[in-house]
C-alpha atoms as a PDB file:
ATOM      1  CA  MET A   1      37.327   7.892   7.081  1.00  0.00           C
ATOM      2  CA  TYR A   2      35.569   5.655   4.613  1.00  0.00           C
ATOM      3  CA  LYS A   3      36.757   5.914   1.023  1.00  0.00           C
ATOM      4  CA  THR A   4      33.538   4.397  -0.331  1.00  0.00           C
ATOM      5  CA  VAL A   5      29.989   4.995   0.926  1.00  0.00           C
ATOM      6  CA  VAL A   6      26.887   3.412  -0.586  1.00  0.00           C
ATOM      7  CA  PHE A   7      23.520   4.939   0.296  1.00  0.00           C
ATOM      8  CA  ASP A   8      20.004   3.598   0.172  1.00  0.00           C
ATOM      9  CA  LEU A   9      17.525   6.148  -1.209  1.00  0.00           C
ATOM     10  CA  ASP A  10      14.024   6.078   0.343  1.00  0.00           C
ATOM     11  CA  GLY A  11      14.125   6.905   4.028  1.00  0.00           C
ATOM     12  CA  THR A  12      17.884   7.478   3.976  1.00  0.00           C
ATOM     13  CA  LEU A  13      18.713  10.299   1.575  1.00  0.00           C
ATOM     14  CA  LEU A  14      15.167  11.347   0.757  1.00  0.00           C
ATOM     15  CA  ASP A  15      11.783  11.519   2.439  1.00  0.00           C
ATOM     16  CA  THR A  16       9.675   9.954  -0.319  1.00  0.00           C
ATOM     17  CA  LEU A  17       6.829   8.639   1.807  1.00  0.00           C
ATOM     18  CA  GLU A  18       4.115  11.151   0.939  1.00  0.00           C
ATOM     19  CA  ASP A  19       4.443  10.645  -2.810  1.00  0.00           C
ATOM     20  CA  LEU A  20       4.528   6.855  -2.439  1.00  0.00           C
ATOM     21  CA  TYR A  21       1.494   6.971  -0.158  1.00  0.00           C
ATOM     22  CA  LEU A  22      -0.508   9.138  -2.550  1.00  0.00           C
ATOM     23  CA  SER A  23       0.377   7.034  -5.599  1.00  0.00           C
ATOM     24  CA  VAL A  24      -0.416   3.738  -3.863  1.00  0.00           C
ATOM     25  CA  ASN A  25      -3.841   4.980  -2.813  1.00  0.00           C
ATOM     26  CA  HIS A  26      -4.534   6.536  -6.211  1.00  0.00           C
ATOM     27  CA  ALA A  27      -3.954   3.125  -7.770  1.00  0.00           C
ATOM     28  CA  LEU A  28      -5.988   1.233  -5.162  1.00  0.00           C
ATOM     29  CA  GLU A  29      -8.932   3.606  -5.320  1.00  0.00           C
ATOM     30  CA  ALA A  30      -8.931   3.501  -9.134  1.00  0.00           C
ATOM     31  CA  TYR A  31     -10.059  -0.128  -8.857  1.00  0.00           C
ATOM     32  CA  GLY A  32     -12.314   0.225  -5.824  1.00  0.00           C
ATOM     33  CA  LEU A  33      -9.821  -1.338  -3.420  1.00  0.00           C
ATOM     34  CA  PRO A  34      -9.437  -0.142   0.181  1.00  0.00           C
ATOM     35  CA  ALA A  35      -6.897   2.601   0.830  1.00  0.00           C
ATOM     36  CA  ARG A  36      -3.805   2.131   2.975  1.00  0.00           C
ATOM     37  CA  SER A  37      -2.568   4.358   5.784  1.00  0.00           C
ATOM     38  CA  ARG A  38       0.775   6.143   5.654  1.00  0.00           C
ATOM     39  CA  ASP A  39       2.172   3.718   8.210  1.00  0.00           C
ATOM     40  CA  GLU A  40       1.029   0.739   6.147  1.00  0.00           C
ATOM     41  CA  VAL A  41       2.730   2.147   3.051  1.00  0.00           C
ATOM     42  CA  ARG A  42       5.847   3.018   5.060  1.00  0.00           C
ATOM     43  CA  LEU A  43       6.163  -0.538   6.349  1.00  0.00           C
ATOM     44  CA  ALA A  44       5.500  -1.998   2.887  1.00  0.00           C
ATOM     45  CA  THR A  45       8.517  -0.244   1.358  1.00  0.00           C
ATOM     46  CA  GLY A  46      12.033  -1.605   1.072  1.00  0.00           C
ATOM     47  CA  ASN A  47      11.769  -4.427  -1.444  1.00  0.00           C
ATOM     48  CA  GLY A  48      10.839  -2.491  -4.569  1.00  0.00           C
ATOM     49  CA  ILE A  49       7.573  -1.277  -6.062  1.00  0.00           C
ATOM     50  CA  VAL A  50       6.338  -4.718  -7.139  1.00  0.00           C
ATOM     51  CA  ARG A  51       6.413  -5.884  -3.527  1.00  0.00           C
ATOM     52  CA  LEU A  52       4.977  -2.546  -2.395  1.00  0.00           C
ATOM     53  CA  ILE A  53       1.857  -3.172  -4.481  1.00  0.00           C
ATOM     54  CA  GLN A  54       1.715  -6.849  -3.523  1.00  0.00           C
ATOM     55  CA  ARG A  55       1.650  -5.797   0.123  1.00  0.00           C
ATOM     56  CA  SER A  56      -0.862  -3.006  -0.491  1.00  0.00           C
ATOM     57  CA  VAL A  57      -3.613  -4.869  -2.346  1.00  0.00           C
ATOM     58  CA  PRO A  58      -5.917  -7.209  -0.394  1.00  0.00           C
ATOM     59  CA  ALA A  59      -4.537 -10.700   0.173  1.00  0.00           C
ATOM     60  CA  ASP A  60      -7.187 -12.239  -2.082  1.00  0.00           C
ATOM     61  CA  CYS A  61      -6.626  -9.799  -4.959  1.00  0.00           C
ATOM     62  CA  PRO A  62      -6.531 -11.663  -8.323  1.00  0.00           C
ATOM     63  CA  ASP A  63      -3.233 -11.551 -10.184  1.00  0.00           C
ATOM     64  CA  LYS A  64      -4.627  -9.685 -13.196  1.00  0.00           C
ATOM     65  CA  LEU A  65      -6.165  -7.007 -11.005  1.00  0.00           C
ATOM     66  CA  ARG A  66      -2.934  -6.626  -9.042  1.00  0.00           C
ATOM     67  CA  GLU A  67      -1.067  -6.138 -12.328  1.00  0.00           C
ATOM     68  CA  ARG A  68      -3.491  -3.387 -13.335  1.00  0.00           C
ATOM     69  CA  VAL A  69      -3.059  -1.707  -9.952  1.00  0.00           C
ATOM     70  CA  PHE A  70       0.704  -1.901 -10.417  1.00  0.00           C
ATOM     71  CA  GLY A  71       0.494  -0.335 -13.870  1.00  0.00           C
ATOM     72  CA  THR A  72      -1.655   2.525 -12.582  1.00  0.00           C
ATOM     73  CA  PHE A  73       0.725   3.059  -9.675  1.00  0.00           C
ATOM     74  CA  LYS A  74       3.756   3.237 -11.999  1.00  0.00           C
ATOM     75  CA  GLU A  75       2.024   5.745 -14.257  1.00  0.00           C
ATOM     76  CA  HIS A  76       0.927   7.965 -11.370  1.00  0.00           C
ATOM     77  CA  TYR A  77       4.217   7.763  -9.485  1.00  0.00           C
ATOM     78  CA  GLY A  78       6.182   8.475 -12.641  1.00  0.00           C
ATOM     79  CA  ALA A  79       4.264  11.743 -12.982  1.00  0.00           C
ATOM     80  CA  HIS A  80       4.153  12.686  -9.286  1.00  0.00           C
ATOM     81  CA  SER A  81       7.304  11.259  -7.680  1.00  0.00           C
ATOM     82  CA  MET A  82       8.644  14.740  -6.932  1.00  0.00           C
ATOM     83  CA  ASP A  83       5.484  16.463  -5.671  1.00  0.00           C
ATOM     84  CA  HIS A  84       6.498  16.228  -1.996  1.00  0.00           C
ATOM     85  CA  THR A  85       9.826  14.375  -2.054  1.00  0.00           C
ATOM     86  CA  ALA A  86      12.865  16.190  -0.662  1.00  0.00           C
ATOM     87  CA  PRO A  87      16.250  15.386   0.897  1.00  0.00           C
ATOM     88  CA  TYR A  88      16.445  15.023   4.641  1.00  0.00           C
ATOM     89  CA  ALA A  89      18.036  18.148   6.140  1.00  0.00           C
ATOM     90  CA  GLY A  90      21.807  17.853   6.141  1.00  0.00           C
ATOM     91  CA  MET A  91      22.103  15.000   3.649  1.00  0.00           C
ATOM     92  CA  PRO A  92      23.110  17.058   0.574  1.00  0.00           C
ATOM     93  CA  GLU A  93      25.831  18.707   2.637  1.00  0.00           C
ATOM     94  CA  LEU A  94      27.012  15.313   3.923  1.00  0.00           C
ATOM     95  CA  VAL A  95      27.295  13.852   0.425  1.00  0.00           C
ATOM     96  CA  ALA A  96      29.170  16.957  -0.735  1.00  0.00           C
ATOM     97  CA  ALA A  97      31.563  16.688   2.225  1.00  0.00           C
ATOM     98  CA  LEU A  98      32.306  13.054   1.384  1.00  0.00           C
ATOM     99  CA  ARG A  99      33.074  13.953  -2.221  1.00  0.00           C
ATOM    100  CA  GLU A 100      35.264  16.857  -1.112  1.00  0.00           C
ATOM    101  CA  ALA A 101      37.181  14.486   1.169  1.00  0.00           C
ATOM    102  CA  GLY A 102      37.879  12.187  -1.774  1.00  0.00           C
ATOM    103  CA  ALA A 103      35.345   9.441  -1.073  1.00  0.00           C
ATOM    104  CA  HIS A 104      33.412   7.599  -3.754  1.00  0.00           C
ATOM    105  CA  VAL A 105      29.660   7.775  -3.147  1.00  0.00           C
ATOM    106  CA  ALA A 106      26.851   5.747  -4.702  1.00  0.00           C
ATOM    107  CA  VAL A 107      23.115   5.195  -4.483  1.00  0.00           C
ATOM    108  CA  VAL A 108      21.792   1.622  -4.573  1.00  0.00           C
ATOM    109  CA  SER A 109      18.020   1.362  -4.283  1.00  0.00           C
ATOM    110  CA  ASN A 110      15.298  -1.233  -4.787  1.00  0.00           C
ATOM    111  CA  LYS A 111      13.108   1.520  -6.222  1.00  0.00           C
ATOM    112  CA  ALA A 112      12.573   1.174  -9.974  1.00  0.00           C
ATOM    113  CA  ASP A 113      15.570   2.541 -11.846  1.00  0.00           C
ATOM    114  CA  PHE A 114      13.522   5.030 -13.887  1.00  0.00           C
ATOM    115  CA  ALA A 115      12.309   6.669 -10.669  1.00  0.00           C
ATOM    116  CA  VAL A 116      15.723   6.577  -8.988  1.00  0.00           C
ATOM    117  CA  GLN A 117      17.418   8.319 -11.901  1.00  0.00           C
ATOM    118  CA  THR A 118      14.709  10.991 -12.160  1.00  0.00           C
ATOM    119  CA  ILE A 119      14.638  11.725  -8.447  1.00  0.00           C
ATOM    120  CA  ILE A 120      18.412  11.854  -8.011  1.00  0.00           C
ATOM    121  CA  ARG A 121      18.796  14.206 -10.985  1.00  0.00           C
ATOM    122  CA  ALA A 122      16.267  16.526  -9.368  1.00  0.00           C
ATOM    123  CA  THR A 123      17.503  16.380  -5.774  1.00  0.00           C
ATOM    124  CA  PHE A 124      21.226  15.519  -5.912  1.00  0.00           C
ATOM    125  CA  PRO A 125      22.404  16.636  -9.367  1.00  0.00           C
ATOM    126  CA  ASP A 126      25.920  15.379 -10.177  1.00  0.00           C
ATOM    127  CA  ALA A 127      26.414  14.407  -6.532  1.00  0.00           C
ATOM    128  CA  PHE A 128      27.096  10.676  -6.923  1.00  0.00           C
ATOM    129  CA  ASP A 129      29.650   8.566  -8.751  1.00  0.00           C
ATOM    130  CA  CYS A 130      27.113   5.809  -9.386  1.00  0.00           C
ATOM    131  CA  VAL A 131      23.314   5.640  -9.148  1.00  0.00           C
ATOM    132  CA  MET A 132      21.517   2.290  -9.444  1.00  0.00           C
ATOM    133  CA  GLY A 133      17.874   1.385  -9.129  1.00  0.00           C
ATOM    134  CA  GLU A 134      16.218  -2.022  -9.400  1.00  0.00           C
ATOM    135  CA  ASN A 135      17.149  -3.693 -12.691  1.00  0.00           C
ATOM    136  CA  GLU A 136      16.357  -7.385 -12.359  1.00  0.00           C
ATOM    137  CA  ALA A 137      15.570  -7.471 -16.086  1.00  0.00           C
ATOM    138  CA  ALA A 138      19.333  -7.114 -16.626  1.00  0.00           C
ATOM    139  CA  GLY A 139      19.967 -10.110 -14.369  1.00  0.00           C
ATOM    140  CA  ILE A 140      20.952  -8.134 -11.263  1.00  0.00           C
ATOM    141  CA  PRO A 141      18.993  -9.359  -8.210  1.00  0.00           C
ATOM    142  CA  LYS A 142      17.701  -6.622  -5.949  1.00  0.00           C
ATOM    143  CA  LYS A 143      18.705  -6.082  -2.341  1.00  0.00           C
ATOM    144  CA  PRO A 144      19.323  -7.699   0.080  1.00  0.00           C
ATOM    145  CA  ALA A 145      21.292  -9.814  -2.403  1.00  0.00           C
ATOM    146  CA  ARG A 146      24.760  -8.350  -2.902  1.00  0.00           C
ATOM    147  CA  PRO A 147      25.053  -8.039  -6.730  1.00  0.00           C
ATOM    148  CA  MET A 148      23.665  -4.476  -6.858  1.00  0.00           C
ATOM    149  CA  VAL A 149      26.299  -3.296  -4.387  1.00  0.00           C
ATOM    150  CA  ASP A 150      29.021  -5.218  -6.227  1.00  0.00           C
ATOM    151  CA  ALA A 151      27.943  -3.658  -9.535  1.00  0.00           C
ATOM    152  CA  ALA A 152      28.062  -0.165  -8.035  1.00  0.00           C
ATOM    153  CA  LEU A 153      31.509  -0.753  -6.557  1.00  0.00           C
ATOM    154  CA  GLU A 154      32.777  -2.101  -9.873  1.00  0.00           C
ATOM    155  CA  ALA A 155      31.420   0.972 -11.661  1.00  0.00           C
ATOM    156  CA  MET A 156      33.432   3.140  -9.264  1.00  0.00           C
ATOM    157  CA  GLY A 157      36.661   1.245  -9.800  1.00  0.00           C
ATOM    158  CA  GLY A 158      36.270  -1.700  -7.443  1.00  0.00           C
ATOM    159  CA  ARG A 159      36.396  -2.223  -3.699  1.00  0.00           C
ATOM    160  CA  SER A 160      39.207  -0.445  -1.893  1.00  0.00           C
ATOM    161  CA  GLY A 161      39.287  -0.911   1.863  1.00  0.00           C
ATOM    162  CA  ALA A 162      36.235  -0.821   4.097  1.00  0.00           C
ATOM    163  CA  VAL A 163      32.923   0.152   2.506  1.00  0.00           C
ATOM    164  CA  ALA A 164      30.114   1.771   4.488  1.00  0.00           C
ATOM    165  CA  TYR A 165      26.555   0.914   3.518  1.00  0.00           C
ATOM    166  CA  VAL A 166      23.987   3.410   4.854  1.00  0.00           C
ATOM    167  CA  GLY A 167      20.289   2.556   5.013  1.00  0.00           C
ATOM    168  CA  ASP A 168      17.144   2.696   7.098  1.00  0.00           C
ATOM    169  CA  SER A 169      15.558  -0.769   7.050  1.00  0.00           C
ATOM    170  CA  GLU A 170      16.029  -4.440   7.758  1.00  0.00           C
ATOM    171  CA  VAL A 171      16.625  -4.898   4.019  1.00  0.00           C
ATOM    172  CA  ASP A 172      19.611  -2.561   4.254  1.00  0.00           C
ATOM    173  CA  VAL A 173      21.029  -4.291   7.318  1.00  0.00           C
ATOM    174  CA  ALA A 174      20.881  -7.609   5.462  1.00  0.00           C
ATOM    175  CA  THR A 175      22.332  -6.021   2.317  1.00  0.00           C
ATOM    176  CA  ALA A 176      25.356  -4.718   4.210  1.00  0.00           C
ATOM    177  CA  THR A 177      25.948  -8.144   5.725  1.00  0.00           C
ATOM    178  CA  ASN A 178      25.595  -9.945   2.399  1.00  0.00           C
ATOM    179  CA  ALA A 179      27.880  -7.466   0.616  1.00  0.00           C
ATOM    180  CA  ASP A 180      30.533  -7.539   3.356  1.00  0.00           C
ATOM    181  CA  CYS A 181      30.130  -3.828   4.124  1.00  0.00           C
ATOM    182  CA  ASP A 182      30.110  -1.940   7.398  1.00  0.00           C
ATOM    183  CA  CYS A 183      26.489  -1.090   8.173  1.00  0.00           C
ATOM    184  CA  VAL A 184      25.263   2.271   9.414  1.00  0.00           C
ATOM    185  CA  ALA A 185      21.497   2.401  10.006  1.00  0.00           C
ATOM    186  CA  CYS A 186      19.520   5.664  10.108  1.00  0.00           C
ATOM    187  CA  SER A 187      16.658   5.944  12.575  1.00  0.00           C
ATOM    188  CA  TRP A 188      14.991   8.896  10.787  1.00  0.00           C
ATOM    189  CA  GLY A 189      13.733   6.775   7.894  1.00  0.00           C
ATOM    190  CA  PHE A 190      10.948   4.269   7.267  1.00  0.00           C
ATOM    191  CA  ARG A 191      11.720   1.973  10.219  1.00  0.00           C
ATOM    192  CA  SER A 192      11.902   2.681  13.926  1.00  0.00           C
ATOM    193  CA  ARG A 193      15.046   2.400  16.009  1.00  0.00           C
ATOM    194  CA  GLU A 194      13.487  -0.642  17.673  1.00  0.00           C
ATOM    195  CA  ALA A 195      12.974  -2.326  14.300  1.00  0.00           C
ATOM    196  CA  LEU A 196      16.594  -1.645  13.365  1.00  0.00           C
ATOM    197  CA  VAL A 197      17.821  -3.119  16.639  1.00  0.00           C
ATOM    198  CA  GLU A 198      15.659  -6.190  16.028  1.00  0.00           C
ATOM    199  CA  ALA A 199      17.121  -6.484  12.517  1.00  0.00           C
ATOM    200  CA  GLY A 200      20.604  -6.613  14.014  1.00  0.00           C
ATOM    201  CA  ALA A 201      21.902  -3.197  12.962  1.00  0.00           C
ATOM    202  CA  PRO A 202      25.375  -2.895  14.533  1.00  0.00           C
ATOM    203  CA  LEU A 203      25.408   0.911  14.490  1.00  0.00           C
ATOM    204  CA  ILE A 204      22.412   3.263  14.481  1.00  0.00           C
ATOM    205  CA  VAL A 205      22.607   7.028  14.024  1.00  0.00           C
ATOM    206  CA  ASP A 206      19.798   9.441  14.825  1.00  0.00           C
ATOM    207  CA  THR A 207      20.813  12.548  12.842  1.00  0.00           C
ATOM    208  CA  PRO A 208      22.696  13.337   9.632  1.00  0.00           C
ATOM    209  CA  SER A 209      25.290  15.201  11.690  1.00  0.00           C
ATOM    210  CA  GLU A 210      25.959  12.023  13.691  1.00  0.00           C
ATOM    211  CA  LEU A 211      26.208  10.076  10.431  1.00  0.00           C
ATOM    212  CA  ARG A 212      28.701  12.644   9.138  1.00  0.00           C
ATOM    213  CA  ARG A 213      30.913  12.126  12.182  1.00  0.00           C
ATOM    214  CA  VAL A 214      30.838   8.346  11.690  1.00  0.00           C
ATOM    215  CA  LEU A 215      31.681   8.471   7.988  1.00  0.00           C
ATOM    216  CA  LEU A 216      34.299  11.198   8.066  1.00  0.00           C
ATOM    217  CA  SER A 217      36.077  10.410  11.330  1.00  0.00           C
END
């Protein structure tokens, strides 16, 4: 079994789409901008909330207006990030089983750190050895660059043997490659199985129970 497992958050551990969708459209509509569909928001995730808003506003949106939209989104999402968000069925039990088996487990997400910490405290209290959200202000580039994964591993005592990185998007596939981790991609998240195949995912699982067998076997 793997002694260290690093998880992505959105679309991997948690279904966060509805709250992201509602906060994006709240911010867009506050400035008279056209709303986005759930699928558009789903496909715009993966590279952090700054990129999420950049991809959600119209292409010709002025910089100052985009910054105001971003500020409104952050305020709304900070207050409503847990309205509909919940773990995917079977994931809390999987994380608990890994801990019981002696594995180190971490969360590394491009979501803003304030949101990651709040959401994990509410949904997976005391379940992880390390939880990291986007913190480029501290000089740590976000995924798919490897420093976030390296920082999480260092916080857990360093790399020991093979590390599994579990995610649901092309960003996660690239992150695993860049960080020299085994990649396990989840098809239940924000990208389709076809998109994961196209991204070069070497192993795709369709259910948390299948993921459990991969990680604990």
